[in-house]
Amino acid sequence: MPFDRTDAEGKAVHRKSRKERLTNHYVQNLKPTGERQTISDEVCQGLALRLGVSGTKSWSFMGRDCHGKSRTETIGRYPDITLKAARQKADQLRQVFASPEALADYLRPPAIVEEVTLLELLLEAEDRFRATKAIWQQRGKASDASTARQVITTVFEPVLHRPAVELTAERAAALIQSYKPKSKGRTGKSTANGQASKALSYLRTVFNWASNRTHRFQKIGAGRLPALALADLSAIYDPSIDDPAITGERDRVLSVGELRRILPHLRVPETTSPEWWKADLRPIAQRFILLTLARRDEVEAARRRDVNFEEKTWTKRVKGGHQVTHPLSDDAIALLKALPGFDCRKDDDLLFPNQEFGPLGNWNRSKLKLQEISNIENWHRHDLRRTSATVLALLGVTAQIIDTLLSHKNPLSKEAVSPALQSYAKLAKEMKGLPNPLRDAVETLAEAIRAIEEGKS
């Protein structure tokens, strides 16, 4: 039987070893027996829980590396390291041990101990994510900050210049709960749960990337190198869950009468000024959302080169990072061509820029103004997207087509589907005489919107 050499009194202390299917309940209720125990996890190969004589519990990983050498790595103590986190770390170590290059990097002693501040980490993350996520791209020429960084820095301002490793889950939760809006007079709200919720979501992604946590960032090279020992923010309460105002916005579908009063204000701004970029494009951008069922960030990131005006299609990067190409109705194409300064736009120019030629902002101000002039309260730009989906459903369009237009799912965008099959599907849609249900749907939606606006329904 294996044993440690001696205890405090110089006596041999046996260390029992066994294998169990570890669960949270089992680990939490494991009691000391006076002997050191090592319990191997049946679920995660190489992961072991060590129970000390006094009852301390710690995780370790045991396995052979790519050179055949047996290695044991300490992961950390329970409950500081949960069972889930320990399994994730063990999986990561197994991948490191299997690669000679990764193992060499892992064993190489760090030159210095990093003390990366939260702000420095956000700048790193911005460089990492901006290529695939619009929310991390530069908002405009006046500021190099992305929307995600601006939101995080607003909510977590007190700890921006402190080392990121010092931000515990408890401290982050306290900042989230105590955050108040800085412009109560303009918005009329006494809470900022939506803003706090977004800050938490964006920061959670940064921390998971920087600490190589979650399946998405566990693969070698996907997470930050070197990884930082950052808090797990996944257990922090989301303040938007119980906010009745936010819940109401998520469920709202505008009636025909409400749409009829709103639509006249979602127009291309009339301007003869050569400085066309000073026109407010947020109202017409919201009509574009209504016509395309697009998300706000998709419209914000839309550039001239993304639209094929001959084929009447729009290629956009959607939630999840992949690209999709959707048809545009004749009304949507006409809307884009009527935008101020459209003829002088270059391929990389945004379709709906702000005055600094960056993505649109101040959506809340635009929403409040539109609510006032339409005399309809408590509606939100996302309600337009939901309303269009509801209109299509009532007109008999299938749920699969609506979900595809909403970019909720695309049966030909899964990883298991060959790119060739997607090419054949595109070819089939372009062939004369074959139906294109997506294009039929957007044209049907445009016709319904025209009928509502003209008072025919």
Protein backbone atom coordinates (compact mmCIF):
# COMPACT_ATOMS: atom_id res chain seq x y z
CA MET A 1 0.00 0.00 0.00
CA PRO A 2 1.46 3.43 -0.90
CA PHE A 3 2.29 5.79 1.95
CA ASP A 4 4.00 9.08 2.66
CA ARG A 5 7.22 8.71 4.55
CA THR A 6 6.23 10.13 7.94
CA ASP A 7 3.74 12.37 9.66
CA ALA A 8 4.50 15.07 12.23
CA GLU A 9 5.34 12.42 14.84
CA GLY A 10 7.62 10.48 12.55
CA LYS A 11 5.15 7.64 11.94
CA ALA A 12 4.38 6.23 8.53
CA VAL A 13 1.05 7.42 7.21
CA HIS A 14 -0.62 5.31 4.53
CA ARG A 15 -2.16 6.93 1.51
CA LYS A 16 -5.11 5.00 0.13
CA SER A 17 -5.84 5.17 -3.59
CA ARG A 18 -9.10 4.40 -5.37
CA LYS A 19 -11.15 5.39 -8.37
CA GLU A 20 -14.58 7.06 -8.24
CA ARG A 21 -16.97 8.89 -10.53
CA LEU A 22 -16.53 12.27 -8.86
CA THR A 23 -19.54 14.56 -8.43
CA ASN A 24 -19.94 17.91 -6.69
CA HIS A 25 -21.96 16.25 -3.93
CA TYR A 26 -19.35 13.51 -3.42
CA VAL A 27 -16.42 15.93 -3.24
CA GLN A 28 -18.24 18.34 -0.94
CA ASN A 29 -19.22 15.64 1.55
CA LEU A 30 -15.94 13.71 1.54
CA LYS A 31 -14.73 13.43 5.16
CA PRO A 32 -11.22 12.74 6.53
CA THR A 33 -10.50 9.23 7.84
CA GLY A 34 -7.13 9.80 9.49
CA GLU A 35 -5.31 8.59 6.41
CA ARG A 36 -4.28 10.41 3.29
CA GLN A 37 -6.39 9.42 0.33
CA THR A 38 -6.08 9.82 -3.42
CA ILE A 39 -9.30 9.44 -5.41
CA SER A 40 -8.89 9.27 -9.19
CA ASP A 41 -11.72 10.61 -11.33
CA GLU A 42 -13.34 8.03 -13.63
CA VAL A 43 -14.71 10.81 -15.86
CA CYS A 44 -11.51 12.80 -16.48
CA GLN A 45 -8.39 10.74 -17.13
CA GLY A 46 -5.45 11.76 -14.95
CA LEU A 47 -7.41 13.99 -12.56
CA ALA A 48 -7.06 13.07 -8.87
CA LEU A 49 -8.48 14.50 -5.67
CA ARG A 50 -6.15 14.30 -2.67
CA LEU A 51 -7.70 14.27 0.81
CA GLY A 52 -5.33 15.14 3.64
CA VAL A 53 -5.40 13.82 7.18
CA SER A 54 -6.88 17.10 8.42
CA GLY A 55 -9.53 17.17 5.69
CA THR A 56 -7.88 19.48 3.15
CA LYS A 57 -8.75 18.67 -0.45
CA SER A 58 -6.58 19.44 -3.44
CA TRP A 59 -6.55 18.61 -7.13
CA SER A 60 -3.67 17.24 -9.16
CA PHE A 61 -3.11 15.85 -12.61
CA MET A 62 -1.02 12.72 -13.17
CA GLY A 63 0.00 11.40 -16.58
CA ARG A 64 2.80 10.66 -18.99
CA ASP A 65 4.08 13.28 -21.38
CA CYS A 66 4.97 12.87 -25.05
CA HIS A 67 8.44 11.65 -24.03
CA GLY A 68 7.06 8.88 -21.80
CA LYS A 69 7.97 10.64 -18.55
CA SER A 70 5.51 10.44 -15.67
CA ARG A 71 4.46 13.86 -14.40
CA THR A 72 2.31 15.12 -11.55
CA GLU A 73 1.05 18.70 -11.64
CA THR A 74 -0.77 20.45 -8.80
CA ILE A 75 -3.97 22.17 -9.93
CA GLY A 76 -5.15 23.77 -6.70
CA ARG A 77 -7.28 23.39 -3.60
CA TYR A 78 -10.97 22.64 -3.38
CA PRO A 79 -13.31 24.57 -3.13
CA ASP A 80 -11.19 27.40 -4.64
CA ILE A 81 -10.97 25.16 -7.71
CA THR A 82 -14.31 23.50 -8.41
CA LEU A 83 -14.69 20.02 -9.89
CA LYS A 84 -15.65 21.51 -13.26
CA ALA A 85 -12.64 23.86 -13.28
CA ALA A 86 -10.31 21.03 -12.23
CA ARG A 87 -11.52 18.85 -15.10
CA GLN A 88 -11.04 21.70 -17.53
CA LYS A 89 -7.48 22.26 -16.29
CA ALA A 90 -6.74 18.54 -16.46
CA ASP A 91 -7.95 18.42 -20.07
CA GLN A 92 -5.72 21.38 -20.85
CA LEU A 93 -2.68 19.74 -19.21
CA ARG A 94 -3.32 16.51 -21.11
CA GLN A 95 -3.17 18.45 -24.39
CA VAL A 96 0.01 20.24 -23.28
CA PHE A 97 1.72 16.97 -22.31
CA ALA A 98 0.86 15.43 -25.69
CA SER A 99 2.64 18.17 -27.70
CA PRO A 100 6.45 18.54 -27.56
CA GLU A 101 6.23 22.24 -28.43
CA ALA A 102 3.48 23.00 -25.91
CA LEU A 103 5.26 20.98 -23.22
CA ALA A 104 8.49 22.89 -23.81
CA ASP A 105 6.63 26.20 -23.47
CA TYR A 106 4.86 24.97 -20.36
CA LEU A 107 8.09 23.88 -18.66
CA ARG A 108 10.01 27.02 -19.63
CA PRO A 109 10.24 29.26 -16.55
CA PRO A 110 8.64 32.69 -17.04
CA ALA A 111 11.09 35.55 -17.32
CA ILE A 112 8.96 37.83 -15.17
CA VAL A 113 5.74 37.60 -13.22
CA GLU A 114 3.09 39.49 -15.15
CA GLU A 115 1.00 42.11 -13.42
CA VAL A 116 -1.39 42.99 -16.21
CA THR A 117 -3.91 45.64 -15.28
CA LEU A 118 -7.55 45.20 -16.22
CA LEU A 119 -7.28 48.00 -18.78
CA GLU A 120 -4.16 46.45 -20.36
CA LEU A 121 -5.97 43.12 -20.55
CA LEU A 122 -8.96 44.75 -22.26
CA LEU A 123 -6.66 46.29 -24.87
CA GLU A 124 -5.15 42.85 -25.52
CA ALA A 125 -8.60 41.31 -25.84
CA GLU A 126 -9.69 44.07 -28.21
CA ASP A 127 -6.81 43.23 -30.55
CA ARG A 128 -7.68 39.54 -30.28
CA PHE A 129 -11.44 39.77 -30.91
CA ARG A 130 -11.89 42.75 -33.24
CA ALA A 131 -11.24 40.71 -36.39
CA THR A 132 -14.31 38.52 -35.84
CA LYS A 133 -16.59 40.46 -33.46
CA ALA A 134 -18.13 43.81 -34.37
CA ILE A 135 -18.68 44.66 -30.72
CA TRP A 136 -14.87 44.75 -30.27
CA GLN A 137 -14.18 46.93 -33.32
CA GLN A 138 -13.28 50.63 -33.18
CA ARG A 139 -16.44 52.73 -32.91
CA GLY A 140 -15.24 55.81 -34.80
CA LYS A 141 -12.40 58.16 -35.64
CA ALA A 142 -12.93 60.23 -32.50
CA SER A 143 -12.24 57.26 -30.22
CA ASP A 144 -10.22 54.09 -30.71
CA ALA A 145 -12.29 52.22 -28.12
CA SER A 146 -14.72 49.47 -29.07
CA THR A 147 -18.26 49.27 -27.70
CA ALA A 148 -17.30 46.30 -25.53
CA ARG A 149 -14.33 48.11 -23.98
CA GLN A 150 -16.38 51.26 -23.37
CA VAL A 151 -19.12 49.31 -21.60
CA ILE A 152 -16.66 47.36 -19.42
CA THR A 153 -14.62 50.43 -18.48
CA THR A 154 -17.77 52.34 -17.52
CA VAL A 155 -19.00 49.66 -15.09
CA PHE A 156 -15.60 48.49 -13.78
CA GLU A 157 -13.93 51.92 -13.68
CA PRO A 158 -12.81 51.62 -9.99
CA VAL A 159 -10.53 48.64 -10.78
CA LEU A 160 -9.33 49.50 -14.30
CA HIS A 161 -5.77 50.25 -13.24
CA ARG A 162 -5.48 47.43 -10.72
CA PRO A 163 -3.98 44.02 -11.66
CA ALA A 164 -6.65 41.91 -13.33
CA VAL A 165 -5.84 38.95 -11.06
CA GLU A 166 -7.03 41.03 -8.08
CA LEU A 167 -10.59 41.25 -9.44
CA THR A 168 -12.35 38.44 -7.57
CA ALA A 169 -15.82 37.22 -8.43
CA GLU A 170 -17.11 38.79 -5.21
CA ARG A 171 -15.61 42.19 -6.07
CA ALA A 172 -16.95 42.01 -9.64
CA ALA A 173 -20.42 41.13 -8.33
CA ALA A 174 -20.33 44.10 -5.94
CA LEU A 175 -19.43 46.49 -8.77
CA ILE A 176 -22.20 45.07 -10.95
CA GLN A 177 -24.82 45.44 -8.21
CA SER A 178 -23.76 48.95 -7.20
CA TYR A 179 -23.48 50.43 -10.70
CA LYS A 180 -25.87 53.32 -11.34
CA PRO A 181 -26.55 55.20 -14.60
CA LYS A 182 -24.63 58.43 -15.04
CA SER A 183 -27.35 60.17 -17.05
CA LYS A 184 -30.56 59.52 -15.15
CA GLY A 185 -32.07 62.79 -16.32
CA ARG A 186 -31.86 61.83 -19.99
CA THR A 187 -32.96 58.20 -19.80
CA GLY A 188 -35.39 58.49 -16.90
CA LYS A 189 -34.12 55.23 -15.44
CA SER A 190 -32.86 54.79 -11.89
CA THR A 191 -31.01 51.56 -12.72
CA ALA A 192 -28.60 50.47 -15.42
CA ASN A 193 -29.11 46.72 -15.29
CA GLY A 194 -28.86 46.34 -19.05
CA GLN A 195 -25.49 48.11 -19.15
CA ALA A 196 -24.20 46.15 -16.17
CA SER A 197 -25.37 42.88 -17.72
CA LYS A 198 -23.52 43.63 -20.97
CA ALA A 199 -20.35 44.59 -19.08
CA LEU A 200 -20.46 41.30 -17.18
CA SER A 201 -21.00 39.31 -20.37
CA TYR A 202 -18.15 41.01 -22.26
CA LEU A 203 -15.75 40.77 -19.31
CA ARG A 204 -16.58 37.09 -18.76
CA THR A 205 -15.45 36.36 -22.32
CA VAL A 206 -12.18 38.26 -21.71
CA PHE A 207 -11.47 36.40 -18.46
CA ASN A 208 -12.27 33.01 -20.02
CA TRP A 209 -9.89 33.77 -22.89
CA ALA A 210 -7.10 35.09 -20.67
CA SER A 211 -7.29 32.12 -18.28
CA ASN A 212 -7.80 29.51 -21.05
CA ARG A 213 -11.13 28.59 -19.47
CA THR A 214 -14.19 26.97 -21.13
CA HIS A 215 -14.11 24.60 -24.09
CA ARG A 216 -13.83 27.46 -26.58
CA PHE A 217 -10.43 28.62 -25.30
CA GLN A 218 -8.91 25.35 -24.05
CA LYS A 219 -7.35 24.32 -27.32
CA ILE A 220 -3.68 25.16 -27.58
CA GLY A 221 -3.28 28.62 -29.08
CA ALA A 222 -6.93 29.63 -28.61
CA GLY A 223 -6.46 31.26 -25.22
CA ARG A 224 -4.01 33.85 -23.99
CA LEU A 225 -0.37 32.85 -23.59
CA PRO A 226 0.69 32.84 -20.89
CA ALA A 227 -2.61 32.20 -19.17
CA LEU A 228 -3.58 34.30 -16.16
CA ALA A 229 -5.13 32.93 -12.97
CA LEU A 230 -8.32 35.00 -13.18
CA ALA A 231 -11.61 34.65 -11.35
CA ASP A 232 -14.45 32.63 -12.86
CA LEU A 233 -17.26 35.14 -13.42
CA SER A 234 -19.83 32.60 -14.64
CA ALA A 235 -21.57 32.34 -11.25
CA ILE A 236 -22.22 36.09 -10.87
CA TYR A 237 -25.90 37.02 -10.84
CA ASP A 238 -27.09 38.82 -13.98
CA PRO A 239 -28.99 41.95 -12.81
CA SER A 240 -31.06 42.14 -16.02
CA ILE A 241 -32.93 38.92 -15.24
CA ASP A 242 -35.37 40.51 -12.80
CA ASP A 243 -35.53 43.94 -14.45
CA PRO A 244 -39.16 44.32 -15.56
CA ALA A 245 -38.30 47.03 -18.09
CA ILE A 246 -35.83 44.78 -19.87
CA THR A 247 -38.18 41.80 -19.79
CA GLY A 248 -40.94 43.93 -21.30
CA GLU A 249 -38.72 45.02 -24.17
CA ARG A 250 -37.78 41.43 -24.94
CA ASP A 251 -41.42 40.34 -25.28
CA ARG A 252 -42.88 43.31 -27.17
CA VAL A 253 -44.49 42.91 -30.59
CA LEU A 254 -45.78 46.12 -32.15
CA SER A 255 -49.38 46.20 -33.35
CA VAL A 256 -50.45 47.30 -36.85
CA GLY A 257 -51.68 50.61 -35.42
CA GLU A 258 -48.41 51.22 -33.60
CA LEU A 259 -46.35 50.41 -36.68
CA ARG A 260 -48.47 52.78 -38.73
CA ARG A 261 -47.57 55.62 -36.35
CA ILE A 262 -43.89 54.71 -36.15
CA LEU A 263 -43.05 53.99 -39.81
CA PRO A 264 -43.42 57.59 -41.10
CA HIS A 265 -40.54 58.57 -38.80
CA LEU A 266 -38.21 55.77 -40.02
CA ARG A 267 -37.20 57.68 -43.13
CA VAL A 268 -34.06 58.59 -45.05
CA PRO A 269 -33.11 62.03 -43.71
CA GLU A 270 -33.63 64.83 -46.22
CA THR A 271 -30.41 66.77 -46.62
CA THR A 272 -28.87 68.88 -49.37
CA SER A 273 -25.74 69.61 -47.38
CA PRO A 274 -22.46 68.35 -48.86
CA GLU A 275 -21.64 67.18 -45.34
CA TRP A 276 -24.06 64.26 -45.68
CA TRP A 277 -22.39 62.35 -42.86
CA LYS A 278 -23.88 64.75 -40.32
CA ALA A 279 -27.38 63.39 -41.00
CA ASP A 280 -28.90 61.18 -38.30
CA LEU A 281 -29.10 57.69 -39.85
CA ARG A 282 -30.46 55.88 -36.80
CA PRO A 283 -34.17 56.10 -37.78
CA ILE A 284 -33.59 54.75 -41.29
CA ALA A 285 -31.26 52.09 -39.86
CA GLN A 286 -34.20 50.92 -37.75
CA ARG A 287 -36.37 50.60 -40.87
CA PHE A 288 -33.55 48.47 -42.33
CA ILE A 289 -33.74 46.29 -39.20
CA LEU A 290 -37.49 45.96 -39.78
CA LEU A 291 -36.97 44.93 -43.42
CA THR A 292 -34.12 42.47 -42.77
CA LEU A 293 -34.75 41.11 -39.24
CA ALA A 294 -31.11 41.97 -38.52
CA ARG A 295 -29.54 42.65 -35.16
CA ARG A 296 -28.35 46.14 -34.25
CA ASP A 297 -24.66 45.18 -34.26
CA GLU A 298 -25.04 43.53 -37.70
CA VAL A 299 -26.47 46.78 -39.11
CA GLU A 300 -23.81 48.85 -37.35
CA ALA A 301 -21.04 46.75 -38.94
CA ALA A 302 -22.55 46.64 -42.46
CA ARG A 303 -20.21 48.00 -45.13
CA ARG A 304 -20.80 48.78 -48.79
CA ARG A 305 -18.71 45.82 -49.94
CA ASP A 306 -20.98 43.47 -47.95
CA VAL A 307 -23.93 44.19 -50.25
CA ASN A 308 -24.13 42.75 -53.74
CA PHE A 309 -26.53 45.15 -55.45
CA GLU A 310 -26.80 43.04 -58.61
CA GLU A 311 -27.75 39.84 -56.79
CA LYS A 312 -29.54 41.80 -54.03
CA THR A 313 -27.79 39.99 -51.17
CA TRP A 314 -26.11 41.00 -47.92
CA THR A 315 -23.19 39.03 -46.46
CA LYS A 316 -22.79 39.64 -42.75
CA ARG A 317 -20.99 38.22 -39.74
CA VAL A 318 -23.57 37.04 -37.24
CA LYS A 319 -23.63 35.99 -33.60
CA GLY A 320 -21.16 33.14 -33.19
CA GLY A 321 -18.60 34.60 -35.61
CA HIS A 322 -19.62 32.88 -38.88
CA GLN A 323 -20.74 34.59 -42.08
CA VAL A 324 -24.12 34.24 -43.76
CA THR A 325 -25.54 35.66 -46.97
CA HIS A 326 -29.19 36.71 -46.95
CA PRO A 327 -31.34 38.14 -49.76
CA LEU A 328 -32.45 41.76 -49.62
CA SER A 329 -35.86 42.90 -50.79
CA ASP A 330 -36.23 45.52 -53.48
CA ASP A 331 -37.34 47.94 -50.74
CA ALA A 332 -34.18 47.29 -48.73
CA ILE A 333 -31.98 47.83 -51.80
CA ALA A 334 -33.83 51.08 -52.61
CA LEU A 335 -33.36 52.21 -49.00
CA LEU A 336 -29.59 51.71 -49.19
CA LYS A 337 -29.28 53.51 -52.52
CA ALA A 338 -31.22 56.47 -51.10
CA LEU A 339 -28.86 56.92 -48.14
CA PRO A 340 -27.13 60.32 -47.98
CA GLY A 341 -23.74 60.18 -49.67
CA PHE A 342 -24.32 56.66 -51.01
CA ASP A 343 -22.80 57.39 -54.42
CA CYS A 344 -19.49 58.46 -52.91
CA ARG A 345 -19.16 55.56 -50.48
CA LYS A 346 -16.14 53.31 -50.87
CA ASP A 347 -16.19 49.54 -50.38
CA ASP A 348 -14.89 49.70 -46.81
CA ASP A 349 -17.21 52.52 -45.74
CA LEU A 350 -20.01 51.76 -43.32
CA LEU A 351 -23.53 51.95 -44.71
CA PHE A 352 -24.86 53.61 -41.55
CA PRO A 353 -21.97 55.67 -40.11
CA ASN A 354 -22.02 58.25 -37.35
CA GLN A 355 -20.56 61.73 -37.77
CA GLU A 356 -17.03 60.37 -37.22
CA PHE A 357 -17.62 57.66 -39.86
CA GLY A 358 -17.69 54.98 -37.16
CA PRO A 359 -20.57 52.71 -36.13
CA LEU A 360 -23.78 54.34 -34.96
CA GLY A 361 -24.24 54.99 -31.25
CA ASN A 362 -26.56 56.83 -28.85
CA TRP A 363 -29.38 54.44 -29.75
CA ASN A 364 -31.16 55.20 -26.50
CA ARG A 365 -31.41 58.90 -27.36
CA SER A 366 -32.84 58.05 -30.77
CA LYS A 367 -35.30 55.61 -29.19
CA LEU A 368 -36.60 58.23 -26.76
CA LYS A 369 -37.03 60.78 -29.54
CA LEU A 370 -38.93 58.31 -31.73
CA GLN A 371 -41.12 57.31 -28.80
CA GLU A 372 -41.98 60.95 -28.24
CA ILE A 373 -42.81 61.91 -31.84
CA SER A 374 -44.75 58.68 -32.51
CA ASN A 375 -46.55 58.97 -29.16
CA ILE A 376 -45.89 55.27 -28.48
CA GLU A 377 -43.99 54.45 -25.31
CA ASN A 378 -41.90 51.50 -24.20
CA TRP A 379 -40.88 50.19 -27.59
CA HIS A 380 -37.35 49.28 -28.50
CA ARG A 381 -35.43 48.79 -31.75
CA HIS A 382 -35.22 45.03 -31.04
CA ASP A 383 -39.05 44.98 -31.04
CA LEU A 384 -38.87 45.79 -34.77
CA ARG A 385 -36.94 42.59 -35.44
CA ARG A 386 -39.37 40.57 -33.33
CA THR A 387 -42.36 42.24 -34.97
CA SER A 388 -41.10 41.37 -38.47
CA ALA A 389 -40.66 37.74 -37.43
CA THR A 390 -44.22 37.73 -36.08
CA VAL A 391 -45.61 39.25 -39.30
CA LEU A 392 -43.89 36.57 -41.38
CA ALA A 393 -45.25 33.82 -39.16
CA LEU A 394 -48.79 35.20 -39.47
CA LEU A 395 -48.36 35.30 -43.26
CA GLY A 396 -47.55 31.59 -43.32
CA VAL A 397 -43.75 31.66 -43.63
CA THR A 398 -42.24 28.57 -42.01
CA ALA A 399 -40.38 28.77 -38.70
CA GLN A 400 -37.22 27.41 -40.36
CA ILE A 401 -37.14 30.27 -42.88
CA ILE A 402 -37.81 32.86 -40.16
CA ASP A 403 -35.07 31.41 -37.92
CA THR A 404 -32.63 31.54 -40.84
CA LEU A 405 -33.44 35.21 -41.51
CA LEU A 406 -33.05 35.92 -37.79
CA SER A 407 -29.68 34.11 -37.95
CA HIS A 408 -30.81 31.90 -35.08
CA LYS A 409 -29.85 28.84 -37.03
CA ASN A 410 -28.85 27.82 -40.51
CA PRO A 411 -29.08 24.12 -41.40
CA LEU A 412 -26.21 24.53 -43.91
CA SER A 413 -23.84 26.38 -41.57
CA LYS A 414 -22.97 23.53 -39.20
CA GLU A 415 -19.37 22.36 -39.08
CA ALA A 416 -20.38 18.87 -40.18
CA VAL A 417 -21.71 20.17 -43.51
CA SER A 418 -19.24 20.27 -46.37
CA PRO A 419 -18.54 23.71 -47.89
CA ALA A 420 -19.28 22.10 -51.26
CA LEU A 421 -22.85 21.41 -50.17
CA GLN A 422 -23.33 25.07 -49.27
CA SER A 423 -22.02 26.02 -52.72
CA TYR A 424 -24.50 23.68 -54.39
CA ALA A 425 -27.32 25.17 -52.31
CA LYS A 426 -26.33 28.66 -53.44
CA LEU A 427 -26.20 27.50 -57.07
CA ALA A 428 -29.66 25.98 -56.73
CA LYS A 429 -31.09 29.28 -55.50
CA GLU A 430 -29.56 31.14 -58.45
CA MET A 431 -30.89 28.76 -61.10
CA LYS A 432 -33.81 30.14 -63.06
CA GLY A 433 -37.15 28.58 -62.24
CA LEU A 434 -36.22 27.22 -58.80
CA PRO A 435 -37.92 28.77 -55.76
CA ASN A 436 -35.98 30.85 -53.26
CA PRO A 437 -38.05 30.84 -50.05
CA LEU A 438 -35.74 33.31 -48.26
CA ARG A 439 -36.13 35.90 -51.02
CA ASP A 440 -39.85 35.27 -51.17
CA ALA A 441 -40.02 35.88 -47.42
CA VAL A 442 -38.20 39.24 -47.45
CA GLU A 443 -40.27 40.46 -50.40
CA THR A 444 -43.46 39.38 -48.62
CA LEU A 445 -42.35 41.24 -45.52
CA ALA A 446 -41.58 44.41 -47.52
CA GLU A 447 -45.01 44.25 -49.16
CA ALA A 448 -46.70 43.85 -45.76
CA ILE A 449 -44.81 46.85 -44.35
CA ARG A 450 -45.86 48.97 -47.34
CA ALA A 451 -49.48 47.90 -46.86
CA ILE A 452 -49.40 48.79 -43.16
CA GLU A 453 -47.82 52.18 -43.82
CA GLU A 454 -50.30 52.98 -46.57
CA GLY A 455 -53.24 51.99 -44.37
CA LYS A 456 -54.31 49.03 -46.48
CA SER A 457 -54.37 46.55 -43.59
